[in-house]
Each structure stands twice: as C-alpha cells, then as structure tokens.
Amino acid sequence: MTTTGFDVPGFRIVDNLGVVRGVVVRSRSVFGTVGAAFQTMFGGNISLFTELAERTRKQAFD
C-alpha cells in the first residue's frame, strides 16, 4: 500500500520509500514519432520520448 500521509489508521508503516515516481506515456505527433524512429537507428537514448516523459512527470507533480 502506498500513502502520502504520515499514518494509515489500522495499519503500521514499516518502511519509508521517499518519493515514488512513475512514468505516464503520451503519444507524439506523426513528425515526432518519425524523428524518434530515426534516433532508434543510431541506438542509445531516444531523447524525444525521454523529454516527453519527463515533461509529463513534472506536470503530474505540479
């Protein structure tokens, strides 16, 4: 169970994990997807998708 509170009535908290993060995936436009496809040919990080995921995460925290 995950909570943002300091206590959960009826339960005992046994561990504090700090901030738990996740990723929400959004779709890009056709042009962005084509650009990402070109990046996959060279391997490594697909910065177009990484940037989109980070912006989405920041928006969720804000």
N, C-alpha and C. Protein backbone atom coordinates (compact mmCIF):
# COMPACT_ATOMS: atom_id res chain seq x y z
N MET A 1 0.85 -1.16 0.00
CA MET A 1 0.00 0.00 0.00
C MET A 1 0.91 1.23 0.00
N THR A 2 0.53 2.24 -0.73
CA THR A 2 1.29 3.48 -0.80
C THR A 2 0.42 4.62 -0.30
N THR A 3 1.02 5.52 0.48
CA THR A 3 0.27 6.65 1.01
C THR A 3 1.14 7.90 1.00
N THR A 4 0.50 9.04 0.95
CA THR A 4 1.22 10.31 1.08
C THR A 4 1.10 10.86 2.49
N GLY A 5 0.38 10.14 3.34
CA GLY A 5 0.17 10.58 4.72
C GLY A 5 1.24 10.04 5.65
N PHE A 6 1.19 10.49 6.90
CA PHE A 6 2.14 10.04 7.91
C PHE A 6 1.64 8.84 8.68
N ASP A 7 0.35 8.54 8.58
CA ASP A 7 -0.20 7.36 9.24
C ASP A 7 -1.37 6.84 8.42
N VAL A 8 -1.63 5.55 8.62
CA VAL A 8 -2.77 4.89 7.98
C VAL A 8 -3.52 4.19 9.10
N PRO A 9 -4.68 4.71 9.48
CA PRO A 9 -5.42 4.12 10.59
C PRO A 9 -5.65 2.61 10.38
N GLY A 10 -5.30 1.85 11.40
CA GLY A 10 -5.48 0.40 11.35
C GLY A 10 -4.29 -0.34 10.76
N PHE A 11 -3.25 0.38 10.34
CA PHE A 11 -2.07 -0.26 9.76
C PHE A 11 -0.81 0.31 10.41
N ARG A 12 0.27 -0.42 10.29
CA ARG A 12 1.57 0.02 10.81
C ARG A 12 2.49 0.26 9.62
N ILE A 13 3.09 1.44 9.55
CA ILE A 13 4.03 1.76 8.47
C ILE A 13 5.36 1.10 8.81
N VAL A 14 5.87 0.30 7.89
CA VAL A 14 7.11 -0.44 8.14
C VAL A 14 8.30 0.08 7.34
N ASP A 15 8.06 0.91 6.32
CA ASP A 15 9.17 1.41 5.51
C ASP A 15 8.78 2.73 4.86
N ASN A 16 9.73 3.62 4.76
CA ASN A 16 9.53 4.90 4.07
C ASN A 16 10.39 4.87 2.82
N LEU A 17 9.76 4.92 1.66
CA LEU A 17 10.48 4.83 0.40
C LEU A 17 10.83 6.19 -0.19
N GLY A 18 10.40 7.26 0.45
CA GLY A 18 10.62 8.59 -0.12
C GLY A 18 9.65 8.83 -1.25
N VAL A 19 10.08 9.59 -2.24
CA VAL A 19 9.21 9.88 -3.38
C VAL A 19 9.21 8.68 -4.32
N VAL A 20 8.03 8.21 -4.64
CA VAL A 20 7.87 7.10 -5.58
C VAL A 20 7.41 7.70 -6.90
N ARG A 21 8.17 7.43 -7.96
CA ARG A 21 7.87 8.04 -9.25
C ARG A 21 7.42 6.99 -10.24
N GLY A 22 6.66 7.45 -11.20
CA GLY A 22 6.23 6.60 -12.29
C GLY A 22 6.27 7.40 -13.58
N VAL A 23 5.99 6.76 -14.66
CA VAL A 23 6.01 7.42 -15.96
C VAL A 23 4.66 7.24 -16.63
N VAL A 24 4.13 8.32 -17.19
CA VAL A 24 2.91 8.28 -17.99
C VAL A 24 3.34 8.48 -19.43
N VAL A 25 2.90 7.62 -20.31
CA VAL A 25 3.30 7.72 -21.71
C VAL A 25 2.20 8.42 -22.49
N ARG A 26 2.59 9.45 -23.22
CA ARG A 26 1.68 10.16 -24.11
C ARG A 26 2.12 9.89 -25.53
N SER A 27 1.21 10.06 -26.47
CA SER A 27 1.60 9.86 -27.86
C SER A 27 2.12 11.17 -28.43
N ARG A 28 3.02 11.04 -29.38
CA ARG A 28 3.59 12.19 -30.07
C ARG A 28 2.87 12.36 -31.40
N SER A 29 3.13 13.47 -32.05
CA SER A 29 2.60 13.68 -33.39
C SER A 29 3.33 12.74 -34.36
N VAL A 30 2.84 12.62 -35.55
CA VAL A 30 3.48 11.77 -36.56
C VAL A 30 4.92 12.21 -36.78
N PHE A 31 5.17 13.52 -36.83
CA PHE A 31 6.52 14.02 -37.07
C PHE A 31 7.46 13.67 -35.92
N GLY A 32 6.97 13.79 -34.69
CA GLY A 32 7.78 13.42 -33.53
C GLY A 32 8.09 11.94 -33.50
N THR A 33 7.13 11.13 -33.89
CA THR A 33 7.33 9.68 -33.92
C THR A 33 8.35 9.30 -34.98
N VAL A 34 8.29 9.96 -36.14
CA VAL A 34 9.28 9.70 -37.21
C VAL A 34 10.67 10.10 -36.73
N GLY A 35 10.76 11.24 -36.05
CA GLY A 35 12.06 11.68 -35.51
C GLY A 35 12.62 10.68 -34.52
N ALA A 36 11.77 10.13 -33.67
CA ALA A 36 12.20 9.12 -32.70
C ALA A 36 12.63 7.85 -33.41
N ALA A 37 11.94 7.50 -34.49
CA ALA A 37 12.31 6.30 -35.26
C ALA A 37 13.72 6.46 -35.83
N PHE A 38 14.06 7.66 -36.29
CA PHE A 38 15.42 7.89 -36.78
C PHE A 38 16.44 7.75 -35.66
N GLN A 39 16.10 8.21 -34.46
CA GLN A 39 17.02 8.09 -33.33
C GLN A 39 17.27 6.63 -32.97
N THR A 40 16.28 5.76 -33.13
CA THR A 40 16.47 4.35 -32.78
C THR A 40 17.48 3.68 -33.70
N MET A 41 17.64 4.19 -34.91
CA MET A 41 18.61 3.60 -35.84
C MET A 41 20.04 3.78 -35.34
N PHE A 42 20.28 4.81 -34.54
CA PHE A 42 21.62 5.08 -34.04
C PHE A 42 21.82 4.56 -32.62
N GLY A 43 20.77 4.01 -32.03
CA GLY A 43 20.85 3.44 -30.69
C GLY A 43 20.90 4.50 -29.60
N GLY A 44 20.99 4.04 -28.37
CA GLY A 44 21.09 4.96 -27.24
C GLY A 44 19.73 5.49 -26.80
N ASN A 45 19.78 6.61 -26.12
CA ASN A 45 18.59 7.22 -25.55
C ASN A 45 17.75 7.88 -26.65
N ILE A 46 16.46 7.66 -26.62
CA ILE A 46 15.55 8.31 -27.56
C ILE A 46 15.07 9.59 -26.88
N SER A 47 15.80 10.67 -27.12
CA SER A 47 15.59 11.90 -26.36
C SER A 47 14.20 12.50 -26.56
N LEU A 48 13.59 12.30 -27.72
CA LEU A 48 12.25 12.85 -27.94
C LEU A 48 11.24 12.24 -26.97
N PHE A 49 11.33 10.91 -26.77
CA PHE A 49 10.40 10.25 -25.85
C PHE A 49 10.78 10.54 -24.39
N THR A 50 12.09 10.61 -24.11
CA THR A 50 12.53 10.91 -22.76
C THR A 50 12.04 12.29 -22.33
N GLU A 51 12.19 13.27 -23.21
CA GLU A 51 11.74 14.63 -22.90
C GLU A 51 10.23 14.67 -22.65
N LEU A 52 9.47 13.97 -23.48
CA LEU A 52 8.02 13.93 -23.31
C LEU A 52 7.65 13.29 -21.98
N ALA A 53 8.33 12.19 -21.61
CA ALA A 53 8.05 11.51 -20.35
C ALA A 53 8.39 12.41 -19.16
N GLU A 54 9.52 13.11 -19.23
CA GLU A 54 9.91 14.00 -18.13
C GLU A 54 8.95 15.17 -17.99
N ARG A 55 8.51 15.75 -19.11
CA ARG A 55 7.53 16.85 -19.03
C ARG A 55 6.22 16.37 -18.42
N THR A 56 5.80 15.16 -18.79
CA THR A 56 4.57 14.59 -18.24
C THR A 56 4.70 14.36 -16.74
N ARG A 57 5.85 13.83 -16.30
CA ARG A 57 6.08 13.59 -14.88
C ARG A 57 6.07 14.91 -14.11
N LYS A 58 6.75 15.93 -14.63
CA LYS A 58 6.77 17.24 -13.97
C LYS A 58 5.37 17.81 -13.85
N GLN A 59 4.58 17.67 -14.90
CA GLN A 59 3.21 18.17 -14.88
C GLN A 59 2.39 17.45 -13.81
N ALA A 60 2.62 16.16 -13.63
CA ALA A 60 1.90 15.40 -12.61
C ALA A 60 2.25 15.88 -11.20
N PHE A 61 3.52 16.23 -10.97
CA PHE A 61 3.94 16.72 -9.65
C PHE A 61 3.47 18.14 -9.40
N ASP A 62 3.33 18.93 -10.45
CA ASP A 62 2.89 20.33 -10.29
C ASP A 62 1.40 20.34 -10.04
